[in-house]
C-alpha atoms as a PDB file:
ATOM      1  CA  MET A   1      -2.028 -21.546   8.271  1.00  0.00           C
ATOM      2  CA  SER A   2      -0.281 -19.790  11.192  1.00  0.00           C
ATOM      3  CA  ASP A   3       2.245 -23.082  12.080  1.00  0.00           C
ATOM      4  CA  LEU A   4       3.020 -23.072   8.165  1.00  0.00           C
ATOM      5  CA  ILE A   5       3.813 -19.443   8.427  1.00  0.00           C
ATOM      6  CA  VAL A   6       5.826 -19.768  11.379  1.00  0.00           C
ATOM      7  CA  ALA A   7       7.807 -22.618   9.757  1.00  0.00           C
ATOM      8  CA  LEU A   8       8.671 -21.410   6.658  1.00  0.00           C
ATOM      9  CA  GLU A   9      10.263 -18.347   8.592  1.00  0.00           C
ATOM     10  CA  GLY A  10      14.076 -17.801   7.344  1.00  0.00           C
ATOM     11  CA  THR A  11      13.900 -20.492   4.941  1.00  0.00           C
ATOM     12  CA  GLU A  12      14.556 -20.674   1.142  1.00  0.00           C
ATOM     13  CA  THR A  13      11.014 -21.569   0.823  1.00  0.00           C
ATOM     14  CA  GLY A  14       9.972 -18.623   2.755  1.00  0.00           C
ATOM     15  CA  ARG A  15      11.926 -16.311   1.127  1.00  0.00           C
ATOM     16  CA  HIS A  16      10.422 -17.483  -2.629  1.00  0.00           C
ATOM     17  CA  ALA A  17       7.061 -17.128  -0.535  1.00  0.00           C
ATOM     18  CA  ALA A  18       8.096 -13.688   0.695  1.00  0.00           C
ATOM     19  CA  MET A  19       8.855 -12.876  -3.097  1.00  0.00           C
ATOM     20  CA  LEU A  20       5.774 -14.081  -4.674  1.00  0.00           C
ATOM     21  CA  LEU A  21       3.434 -12.458  -1.701  1.00  0.00           C
ATOM     22  CA  ALA A  22       5.075  -9.132  -2.351  1.00  0.00           C
ATOM     23  CA  LEU A  23       4.152  -9.192  -6.164  1.00  0.00           C
ATOM     24  CA  LEU A  24       0.968 -10.410  -5.345  1.00  0.00           C
ATOM     25  CA  ALA A  25       0.447  -7.036  -3.049  1.00  0.00           C
ATOM     26  CA  ALA A  26       1.954  -5.145  -5.754  1.00  0.00           C
ATOM     27  CA  PHE A  27      -0.808  -6.050  -7.948  1.00  0.00           C
ATOM     28  CA  LEU A  28      -3.753  -5.750  -5.411  1.00  0.00           C
ATOM     29  CA  HIS A  29      -2.404  -2.324  -4.144  1.00  0.00           C
ATOM     30  CA  ALA A  30      -2.516  -0.772  -7.834  1.00  0.00           C
ATOM     31  CA  VAL A  31      -6.098  -1.884  -7.896  1.00  0.00           C
ATOM     32  CA  PHE A  32      -6.927  -0.877  -4.337  1.00  0.00           C
ATOM     33  CA  GLY A  33      -5.755   2.681  -5.430  1.00  0.00           C
ATOM     34  CA  ALA A  34      -7.687   2.705  -8.681  1.00  0.00           C
ATOM     35  CA  LEU A  35     -10.594   1.795  -6.456  1.00  0.00           C
ATOM     36  CA  GLN A  36     -10.061   4.634  -4.322  1.00  0.00           C
ATOM     37  CA  LYS A  37      -9.118   7.261  -7.200  1.00  0.00           C
ATOM     38  CA  GLY A  38     -11.831   5.754  -9.527  1.00  0.00           C
ATOM     39  CA  ARG A  39     -15.388   6.779  -9.806  1.00  0.00           C
ATOM     40  CA  PHE A  40     -16.259   7.855  -6.448  1.00  0.00           C
ATOM     41  CA  ASP A  41     -15.052  10.697  -4.245  1.00  0.00           C
ATOM     42  CA  PRO A  42     -11.937   9.398  -2.423  1.00  0.00           C
ATOM     43  CA  TRP A  43     -13.028  10.088   0.909  1.00  0.00           C
ATOM     44  CA  LEU A  44     -16.252   8.262   0.276  1.00  0.00           C
ATOM     45  CA  SER A  45     -14.683   5.297  -1.382  1.00  0.00           C
ATOM     46  CA  ARG A  46     -12.100   4.841   1.467  1.00  0.00           C
ATOM     47  CA  GLY A  47     -14.973   5.119   3.744  1.00  0.00           C
ATOM     48  CA  ALA A  48     -16.935   2.341   2.290  1.00  0.00           C
ATOM     49  CA  ILE A  49     -13.817   0.080   1.891  1.00  0.00           C
ATOM     50  CA  ASP A  50     -13.165   0.728   5.659  1.00  0.00           C
ATOM     51  CA  PHE A  51     -16.804  -0.132   6.961  1.00  0.00           C
ATOM     52  CA  TRP A  52     -16.572  -3.337   4.957  1.00  0.00           C
ATOM     53  CA  LEU A  53     -13.105  -4.344   6.631  1.00  0.00           C
ATOM     54  CA  PHE A  54     -14.953  -3.612  10.084  1.00  0.00           C
ATOM     55  CA  VAL A  55     -17.941  -5.585   9.160  1.00  0.00           C
ATOM     56  CA  LEU A  56     -15.719  -8.805   7.682  1.00  0.00           C
ATOM     57  CA  SER A  57     -13.023  -8.446  10.410  1.00  0.00           C
ATOM     58  CA  LEU A  58     -14.943  -8.429  13.440  1.00  0.00           C
ATOM     59  CA  PRO A  59     -16.038 -11.823  13.601  1.00  0.00           C
ATOM     60  CA  MET A  60     -12.431 -13.152  12.289  1.00  0.00           C
ATOM     61  CA  ALA A  61     -11.183 -11.242  15.288  1.00  0.00           C
ATOM     62  CA  LEU A  62     -13.433 -12.324  17.663  1.00  0.00           C
ATOM     63  CA  PHE A  63     -13.810 -15.836  17.046  1.00  0.00           C
ATOM     64  CA  LEU A  64     -10.881 -17.445  14.757  1.00  0.00           C
ATOM     65  CA  VAL A  65      -8.105 -16.085  16.038  1.00  0.00           C
ATOM     66  CA  PRO A  66      -6.101 -15.970  19.214  1.00  0.00           C
ATOM     67  CA  TRP A  67      -6.661 -12.181  21.230  1.00  0.00           C
ATOM     68  CA  PRO A  68      -3.530 -10.041  21.076  1.00  0.00           C
ATOM     69  CA  GLU A  69      -1.781 -10.210  24.412  1.00  0.00           C
ATOM     70  CA  GLY A  70       0.066  -7.633  26.647  1.00  0.00           C
ATOM     71  CA  ALA A  71       2.195  -4.888  24.402  1.00  0.00           C
ATOM     72  CA  ALA A  72       0.231  -6.042  20.774  1.00  0.00           C
ATOM     73  CA  TRP A  73      -2.687  -4.056  22.163  1.00  0.00           C
ATOM     74  CA  VAL A  74      -0.496  -0.894  22.102  1.00  0.00           C
ATOM     75  CA  ILE A  75       1.008  -1.608  18.923  1.00  0.00           C
ATOM     76  CA  LEU A  76      -2.195  -2.011  17.116  1.00  0.00           C
ATOM     77  CA  ALA A  77      -3.345   1.439  18.515  1.00  0.00           C
ATOM     78  CA  GLY A  78      -0.108   2.956  17.187  1.00  0.00           C
ATOM     79  CA  ALA A  79      -1.178   1.154  13.701  1.00  0.00           C
ATOM     80  CA  LEU A  80      -4.332   3.113  13.833  1.00  0.00           C
ATOM     81  CA  VAL A  81      -2.669   6.478  14.071  1.00  0.00           C
ATOM     82  CA  ILE A  82      -0.031   5.880  11.415  1.00  0.00           C
ATOM     83  CA  HIS A  83      -2.431   4.471   8.892  1.00  0.00           C
ATOM     84  CA  PHE A  84      -5.292   7.003  10.088  1.00  0.00           C
ATOM     85  CA  THR A  85      -2.669   9.572   8.639  1.00  0.00           C
ATOM     86  CA  TYR A  86      -1.748   7.857   5.888  1.00  0.00           C
ATOM     87  CA  LYS A  87      -5.332   7.443   4.745  1.00  0.00           C
ATOM     88  CA  VAL A  88      -5.803  11.100   5.156  1.00  0.00           C
ATOM     89  CA  GLY A  89      -2.779  11.681   3.201  1.00  0.00           C
ATOM     90  CA  MET A  90      -3.910   9.442  -0.020  1.00  0.00           C
ATOM     91  CA  ALA A  91      -7.350  11.007   0.075  1.00  0.00           C
ATOM     92  CA  LEU A  92      -5.766  14.735   0.257  1.00  0.00           C
ATOM     93  CA  ALA A  93      -3.542  13.796  -2.480  1.00  0.00           C
ATOM     94  CA  PHE A  94      -6.128  11.791  -4.872  1.00  0.00           C
ATOM     95  CA  SER A  95      -8.415  14.705  -4.335  1.00  0.00           C
ATOM     96  CA  ARG A  96      -5.818  17.050  -6.136  1.00  0.00           C
ATOM     97  CA  GLY A  97      -4.330  14.991  -8.747  1.00  0.00           C
ATOM     98  CA  ALA A  98      -4.451  12.283 -11.612  1.00  0.00           C
ATOM     99  CA  PHE A  99      -3.979   8.731 -10.125  1.00  0.00           C
ATOM    100  CA  THR A 100      -1.183   8.058 -12.383  1.00  0.00           C
ATOM    101  CA  VAL A 101       0.827  11.278 -11.355  1.00  0.00           C
ATOM    102  CA  VAL A 102       0.233  11.107  -7.749  1.00  0.00           C
ATOM    103  CA  TYR A 103       0.453   6.887  -7.488  1.00  0.00           C
ATOM    104  CA  PRO A 104       3.787   6.648  -8.359  1.00  0.00           C
ATOM    105  CA  VAL A 105       5.319   9.356  -6.325  1.00  0.00           C
ATOM    106  CA  VAL A 106       3.945   7.883  -3.188  1.00  0.00           C
ATOM    107  CA  ARG A 107       5.095   4.664  -4.110  1.00  0.00           C
ATOM    108  CA  GLY A 108       8.388   5.503  -5.075  1.00  0.00           C
ATOM    109  CA  THR A 109       9.197   7.664  -1.848  1.00  0.00           C
ATOM    110  CA  GLY A 110       8.383   4.719   0.390  1.00  0.00           C
ATOM    111  CA  PRO A 111      10.939   2.269  -0.344  1.00  0.00           C
ATOM    112  CA  LEU A 112      14.169   4.193   0.179  1.00  0.00           C
ATOM    113  CA  PHE A 113      12.978   5.116   3.732  1.00  0.00           C
ATOM    114  CA  ALA A 114      11.873   1.617   4.247  1.00  0.00           C
ATOM    115  CA  VAL A 115      14.825   0.014   3.569  1.00  0.00           C
ATOM    116  CA  ILE A 116      16.760   2.429   5.908  1.00  0.00           C
ATOM    117  CA  GLY A 117      13.908   1.874   8.416  1.00  0.00           C
ATOM    118  CA  ALA A 118      14.623  -1.984   7.782  1.00  0.00           C
ATOM    119  CA  TRP A 119      18.281  -1.535   8.284  1.00  0.00           C
ATOM    120  CA  LEU A 120      17.809   0.849  11.637  1.00  0.00           C
ATOM    121  CA  ILE A 121      15.350  -1.569  13.317  1.00  0.00           C
ATOM    122  CA  PHE A 122      15.935  -4.908  11.920  1.00  0.00           C
ATOM    123  CA  GLY A 123      19.753  -5.084  11.284  1.00  0.00           C
ATOM    124  CA  GLU A 124      18.971  -5.914   7.391  1.00  0.00           C
ATOM    125  CA  THR A 125      21.358  -5.081   4.882  1.00  0.00           C
ATOM    126  CA  PHE A 126      21.650  -4.936   1.271  1.00  0.00           C
ATOM    127  CA  THR A 127      24.449  -5.953  -1.429  1.00  0.00           C
ATOM    128  CA  TRP A 128      25.782  -2.942  -3.386  1.00  0.00           C
ATOM    129  CA  VAL A 129      23.804  -4.647  -6.432  1.00  0.00           C
ATOM    130  CA  GLN A 130      20.813  -4.417  -4.464  1.00  0.00           C
ATOM    131  CA  TRP A 131      21.585  -0.952  -3.812  1.00  0.00           C
ATOM    132  CA  LEU A 132      21.849  -0.708  -7.694  1.00  0.00           C
ATOM    133  CA  GLY A 133      18.456  -2.232  -8.177  1.00  0.00           C
ATOM    134  CA  VAL A 134      17.006   0.557  -5.628  1.00  0.00           C
ATOM    135  CA  ALA A 135      18.815   3.527  -7.687  1.00  0.00           C
ATOM    136  CA  VAL A 136      17.354   1.922 -10.952  1.00  0.00           C
ATOM    137  CA  LEU A 137      13.612   1.033  -9.455  1.00  0.00           C
ATOM    138  CA  LEU A 138      13.676   4.617  -7.991  1.00  0.00           C
ATOM    139  CA  GLY A 139      14.863   5.931 -11.470  1.00  0.00           C
ATOM    140  CA  GLY A 140      12.080   4.628 -13.159  1.00  0.00           C
ATOM    141  CA  ILE A 141       9.596   5.797 -10.077  1.00  0.00           C
ATOM    142  CA  PHE A 142      10.310   9.499  -9.979  1.00  0.00           C
ATOM    143  CA  GLY A 143      10.989   9.818 -14.105  1.00  0.00           C
ATOM    144  CA  LEU A 144       7.929   8.438 -14.577  1.00  0.00           C
ATOM    145  CA  ALA A 145       6.589  11.396 -12.077  1.00  0.00           C
ATOM    146  CA  VAL A 146       8.538  13.904 -13.978  1.00  0.00           C
ATOM    147  CA  TYR A 147       7.034  12.915 -17.368  1.00  0.00           C
ATOM    148  CA  ASN A 148       3.591  12.954 -15.825  1.00  0.00           C
ATOM    149  CA  LEU A 149       4.284  16.363 -14.322  1.00  0.00           C
ATOM    150  CA  ILE A 150       5.497  17.888 -17.552  1.00  0.00           C
ATOM    151  CA  HIS A 151       2.730  16.490 -19.841  1.00  0.00           C
ATOM    152  CA  VAL A 152      -0.580  15.689 -17.992  1.00  0.00           C
ATOM    153  CA  ASP A 153      -2.777  18.862 -18.415  1.00  0.00           C
ATOM    154  CA  VAL A 154      -5.518  17.836 -16.393  1.00  0.00           C
ATOM    155  CA  GLY A 155      -5.745  19.567 -13.001  1.00  0.00           C
ATOM    156  CA  ARG A 156      -2.496  21.379 -13.279  1.00  0.00           C
ATOM    157  CA  GLU A 157      -3.424  24.103 -10.844  1.00  0.00           C
ATOM    158  CA  THR A 158      -3.735  21.486  -8.008  1.00  0.00           C
ATOM    159  CA  LEU A 159      -0.670  19.301  -9.133  1.00  0.00           C
ATOM    160  CA  VAL A 160       1.929  20.557  -7.351  1.00  0.00           C
ATOM    161  CA  PRO A 161       0.132  20.522  -4.107  1.00  0.00           C
ATOM    162  CA  ALA A 162      -0.756  16.710  -5.174  1.00  0.00           C
ATOM    163  CA  LEU A 163       2.631  16.033  -5.651  1.00  0.00           C
ATOM    164  CA  TRP A 164       3.831  17.627  -2.205  1.00  0.00           C
ATOM    165  CA  LEU A 165       1.433  15.411  -0.462  1.00  0.00           C
ATOM    166  CA  ALA A 166       2.652  12.241  -2.360  1.00  0.00           C
ATOM    167  CA  VAL A 167       5.822  12.612  -0.972  1.00  0.00           C
ATOM    168  CA  GLY A 168       4.530  12.988   2.693  1.00  0.00           C
ATOM    169  CA  THR A 169       2.154  10.162   2.036  1.00  0.00           C
ATOM    170  CA  GLY A 170       5.121   7.916   0.914  1.00  0.00           C
ATOM    171  CA  ALA A 171       7.093   8.650   3.733  1.00  0.00           C
ATOM    172  CA  LEU A 172       4.293   7.579   5.610  1.00  0.00           C
ATOM    173  CA  VAL A 173       4.119   4.326   3.655  1.00  0.00           C
ATOM    174  CA  ALA A 174       7.528   3.874   4.781  1.00  0.00           C
ATOM    175  CA  LEU A 175       7.117   4.060   8.311  1.00  0.00           C
ATOM    176  CA  TYR A 176       3.689   1.991   8.416  1.00  0.00           C
ATOM    177  CA  THR A 177       5.450  -0.941   6.360  1.00  0.00           C
ATOM    178  CA  THR A 178       8.432  -0.687   8.694  1.00  0.00           C
ATOM    179  CA  TYR A 179       5.822  -0.669  12.029  1.00  0.00           C
ATOM    180  CA  ASP A 180       3.390  -3.103  10.265  1.00  0.00           C
ATOM    181  CA  ALA A 181       6.400  -5.552  10.158  1.00  0.00           C
ATOM    182  CA  TYR A 182       7.501  -4.952  13.587  1.00  0.00           C
ATOM    183  CA  GLY A 183       3.919  -5.705  14.829  1.00  0.00           C
ATOM    184  CA  ILE A 184       3.412  -9.031  12.515  1.00  0.00           C
ATOM    185  CA  ARG A 185       6.815 -10.250  14.014  1.00  0.00           C
ATOM    186  CA  TYR A 186       6.113  -9.518  17.369  1.00  0.00           C
ATOM    187  CA  THR A 187       2.613 -11.271  17.417  1.00  0.00           C
ATOM    188  CA  PRO A 188       2.802 -15.068  17.766  1.00  0.00           C
ATOM    189  CA  ASP A 189       0.069 -15.725  15.474  1.00  0.00           C
ATOM    190  CA  PRO A 190       0.381 -13.698  12.655  1.00  0.00           C
ATOM    191  CA  PHE A 191      -3.270 -13.958  11.950  1.00  0.00           C
ATOM    192  CA  THR A 192      -3.840 -12.431  15.277  1.00  0.00           C
ATOM    193  CA  PHE A 193      -2.445  -9.619  14.068  1.00  0.00           C
ATOM    194  CA  LEU A 194      -3.484  -9.564  10.635  1.00  0.00           C
ATOM    195  CA  ALA A 195      -7.196  -9.850  11.726  1.00  0.00           C
ATOM    196  CA  TRP A 196      -6.995  -7.084  14.655  1.00  0.00           C
ATOM    197  CA  PHE A 197      -5.218  -4.787  12.585  1.00  0.00           C
ATOM    198  CA  PHE A 198      -7.947  -4.639  10.040  1.00  0.00           C
ATOM    199  CA  LEU A 199     -10.441  -4.484  12.316  1.00  0.00           C
ATOM    200  CA  ILE A 200      -8.858  -1.526  14.511  1.00  0.00           C
ATOM    201  CA  THR A 201      -7.457   0.271  11.729  1.00  0.00           C
ATOM    202  CA  ALA A 202     -10.812   0.399   9.978  1.00  0.00           C
ATOM    203  CA  VAL A 203     -12.951   2.239  12.445  1.00  0.00           C
ATOM    204  CA  ASP A 204     -11.602   6.125  11.614  1.00  0.00           C
ATOM    205  CA  PHE A 205     -12.759   6.580   7.790  1.00  0.00           C
ATOM    206  CA  PRO A 206     -16.538   5.289   8.083  1.00  0.00           C
ATOM    207  CA  VAL A 207     -17.230   7.884  10.543  1.00  0.00           C
ATOM    208  CA  LEU A 208     -15.497  10.547   8.409  1.00  0.00           C
ATOM    209  CA  ALA A 209     -17.326   9.454   5.178  1.00  0.00           C
ATOM    210  CA  ALA A 210     -20.275   9.375   6.498  1.00  0.00           C
ATOM    211  CA  ILE A 211     -20.070  12.743   7.675  1.00  0.00           C
ATOM    212  CA  ARG A 212     -19.096  14.230   3.881  1.00  0.00           C
ATOM    213  CA  TYR A 213     -21.564  12.129   2.374  1.00  0.00           C
ATOM    214  CA  LEU A 214     -24.479  13.634   4.684  1.00  0.00           C
ATOM    215  CA  ARG A 215     -23.021  17.060   3.688  1.00  0.00           C
ATOM    216  CA  MET A 216     -22.821  16.761  -0.042  1.00  0.00           C
ATOM    217  CA  PRO A 217     -25.448  18.370  -1.864  1.00  0.00           C
ATOM    218  CA  ALA A 218     -26.181  15.521  -4.456  1.00  0.00           C
ATOM    219  CA  PRO A 219     -24.596  12.532  -3.067  1.00  0.00           C
ATOM    220  CA  PRO A 220     -23.817   9.321  -5.242  1.00  0.00           C
ATOM    221  CA  PRO A 221     -26.259   6.562  -4.722  1.00  0.00           C
ATOM    222  CA  LEU A 222     -25.327   4.128  -1.881  1.00  0.00           C
ATOM    223  CA  ALA A 223     -25.977   0.969  -3.894  1.00  0.00           C
ATOM    224  CA  GLY A 224     -22.478   2.007  -6.017  1.00  0.00           C
ATOM    225  CA  LEU A 225     -20.238   2.795  -3.189  1.00  0.00           C
ATOM    226  CA  ALA A 226     -21.162  -0.002  -1.193  1.00  0.00           C
ATOM    227  CA  LEU A 227     -20.406  -2.370  -4.159  1.00  0.00           C
ATOM    228  CA  ARG A 228     -17.177  -0.265  -4.636  1.00  0.00           C
ATOM    229  CA  GLY A 229     -16.129  -0.620  -0.616  1.00  0.00           C
ATOM    230  CA  PHE A 230     -16.547  -4.484  -0.826  1.00  0.00           C
ATOM    231  CA  THR A 231     -14.462  -5.094  -3.747  1.00  0.00           C
ATOM    232  CA  GLY A 232     -12.158  -2.813  -2.206  1.00  0.00           C
ATOM    233  CA  ALA A 233     -12.208  -4.765   1.157  1.00  0.00           C
ATOM    234  CA  LEU A 234     -11.743  -7.818  -0.060  1.00  0.00           C
ATOM    235  CA  VAL A 235      -8.673  -6.626  -2.182  1.00  0.00           C
ATOM    236  CA  ALA A 236      -7.194  -4.789   1.067  1.00  0.00           C
ATOM    237  CA  TYR A 237      -6.918  -8.104   2.458  1.00  0.00           C
ATOM    238  CA  GLY A 238      -4.986  -9.502  -0.274  1.00  0.00           C
ATOM    239  CA  SER A 239      -2.791  -6.499  -0.506  1.00  0.00           C
ATOM    240  CA  PHE A 240      -1.914  -5.428   3.173  1.00  0.00           C
ATOM    241  CA  GLY A 241      -2.025  -9.075   4.441  1.00  0.00           C
ATOM    242  CA  SER A 242       0.304 -10.258   1.619  1.00  0.00           C
ATOM    243  CA  VAL A 243       2.692  -7.698   2.451  1.00  0.00           C
ATOM    244  CA  MET A 244       2.669  -7.981   6.058  1.00  0.00           C
ATOM    245  CA  LEU A 245       3.064 -11.783   5.839  1.00  0.00           C
ATOM    246  CA  ALA A 246       6.072 -11.280   3.446  1.00  0.00           C
ATOM    247  CA  THR A 247       7.837  -9.171   5.948  1.00  0.00           C
ATOM    248  CA  ARG A 248       7.363 -11.754   8.092  1.00  0.00           C
ATOM    249  CA  LEU A 249       8.812 -14.788   6.408  1.00  0.00           C
ATOM    250  CA  ASP A 250      11.449 -12.359   4.756  1.00  0.00           C
ATOM    251  CA  LYS A 251      13.520  -9.206   4.701  1.00  0.00           C
ATOM    252  CA  VAL A 252      11.336  -6.139   5.190  1.00  0.00           C
ATOM    253  CA  GLY A 253      13.632  -4.045   2.817  1.00  0.00           C
ATOM    254  CA  GLU A 254      12.849  -6.788   0.219  1.00  0.00           C
ATOM    255  CA  ALA A 255       9.311  -6.909   0.351  1.00  0.00           C
ATOM    256  CA  ALA A 256       9.082  -3.051   0.277  1.00  0.00           C
ATOM    257  CA  VAL A 257      10.713  -2.733  -3.058  1.00  0.00           C
ATOM    258  CA  LEU A 258       9.011  -5.694  -4.818  1.00  0.00           C
ATOM    259  CA  ARG A 259       5.636  -4.049  -3.681  1.00  0.00           C
ATOM    260  CA  GLU A 260       6.630  -0.853  -5.716  1.00  0.00           C
ATOM    261  CA  THR A 261       6.168  -2.592  -8.951  1.00  0.00           C
ATOM    262  CA  SER A 262       2.368  -1.740  -8.137  1.00  0.00           C
ATOM    263  CA  THR A 263       3.604   1.578 -10.024  1.00  0.00           C
ATOM    264  CA  VAL A 264       3.831  -0.569 -13.288  1.00  0.00           C
ATOM    265  CA  PHE A 265       0.367  -2.168 -12.442  1.00  0.00           C
ATOM    266  CA  ALA A 266      -1.132   1.296 -11.898  1.00  0.00           C
ATOM    267  CA  ALA A 267      -0.037   2.954 -15.029  1.00  0.00           C
ATOM    268  CA  LEU A 268      -1.544  -0.107 -16.854  1.00  0.00           C
ATOM    269  CA  ILE A 269      -4.823   0.281 -14.729  1.00  0.00           C
ATOM    270  CA  GLY A 270      -4.752   4.053 -15.350  1.00  0.00           C
ATOM    271  CA  TRP A 271      -4.368   3.392 -19.069  1.00  0.00           C
ATOM    272  CA  LEU A 272      -6.712   0.296 -19.494  1.00  0.00           C
ATOM    273  CA  VAL A 273      -8.925   1.250 -16.813  1.00  0.00           C
ATOM    274  CA  LEU A 274      -9.014   4.915 -15.997  1.00  0.00           C
ATOM    275  CA  GLY A 275      -8.360   6.474 -19.671  1.00  0.00           C
ATOM    276  CA  ASP A 276      -5.136   7.797 -18.734  1.00  0.00           C
ATOM    277  CA  THR A 277      -2.914   7.475 -21.662  1.00  0.00           C
ATOM    278  CA  VAL A 278       0.752   5.477 -21.811  1.00  0.00           C
ATOM    279  CA  GLY A 279       3.145   6.325 -24.450  1.00  0.00           C
ATOM    280  CA  PRO A 280       6.511   4.751 -25.391  1.00  0.00           C
ATOM    281  CA  ARG A 281       8.628   7.132 -22.843  1.00  0.00           C
ATOM    282  CA  ARG A 282       6.494   5.882 -19.832  1.00  0.00           C
ATOM    283  CA  MET A 283       6.440   2.299 -21.158  1.00  0.00           C
ATOM    284  CA  ALA A 284       9.935   2.550 -21.056  1.00  0.00           C
ATOM    285  CA  LEU A 285      10.306   3.809 -17.180  1.00  0.00           C
ATOM    286  CA  MET A 286       8.069   1.339 -16.012  1.00  0.00           C
ATOM    287  CA  GLY A 287      10.427  -1.273 -17.355  1.00  0.00           C
ATOM    288  CA  LEU A 288      12.966   0.330 -15.341  1.00  0.00           C
ATOM    289  CA  ILE A 289      10.963  -0.258 -12.390  1.00  0.00           C
ATOM    290  CA  ALA A 290      10.639  -3.968 -12.979  1.00  0.00           C
ATOM    291  CA  VAL A 291      14.024  -4.261 -13.750  1.00  0.00           C
ATOM    292  CA  GLY A 292      15.260  -2.309 -10.477  1.00  0.00           C
ATOM    293  CA  ALA A 293      13.174  -4.743  -8.615  1.00  0.00           C
ATOM    294  CA  ILE A 294      14.541  -8.052 -10.204  1.00  0.00           C
ATOM    295  CA  ILE A 295      17.871  -6.836  -9.422  1.00  0.00           C
ATOM    296  CA  VAL A 296      16.769  -6.217  -5.845  1.00  0.00           C
ATOM    297  CA  GLU A 297      15.578  -9.596  -5.562  1.00  0.00           C
ATOM    298  CA  PHE A 298      18.364 -11.302  -7.142  1.00  0.00           C
ATOM    299  CA  GLY A 299      21.208  -9.440  -6.268  1.00  0.00           C
ATOM    300  CA  GLY A 300      21.408 -10.708  -2.200  1.00  0.00           C
END
């Protein structure tokens, strides 16, 4: 599989594969966000997810892929710091705001900074048509966030802090997208980076979650939390793994923008699963997001 990924880099087939991987990552990331925000405390949910990521990734990293060499260890250590900060930001934002309010802002802030980062680090450029697509996509995402800010009644006392946390976390999304793309391109075998990435970046939140769980006056049953964590770990492999492979196969900026169609999937999940309301105006704004992503993909 590693040889196939390397062989597809920079080819037209690789470009198409990157597009499909980015869209798959978008859907799975919306599912991942809903799992973290849903039934359980978001700190516990993320801790359970990371616990299973560590357990499942350990044998893969030790026995199934070549070990990292040289500076790859430093890159992985940096990924731990960046993703820990991102996870804290997501947990704080989800603790204060509704899923369909927080998620669009987080994901909407990310692609613009990611495109700029890809230009500075990888020398990637967008055509004016693609920039138009970015503007349309961001207009839809932030329009959705503003609409939610005006009309959502639940948890309004913590809504503004939640939105500021979401903006900051969105900047971290851009940072980790660009950083992870550098890491997976630096490592000769992409699956070496993926396996060790999932292992190393999962060591922190299980500890925080365990402390929080033990201090709760009425902690939730462990069985349900463990099932949520196992499901989330499998989704995380698909979501984060897909987008990182996409950034190795093709442009980082395009993968980052396409992944933000996750906002559409998130709104649908919030409506169908979490009971959030979705009216015609929100549907129209979600349509803008999809149109913007299409323009970016086919305007290059």
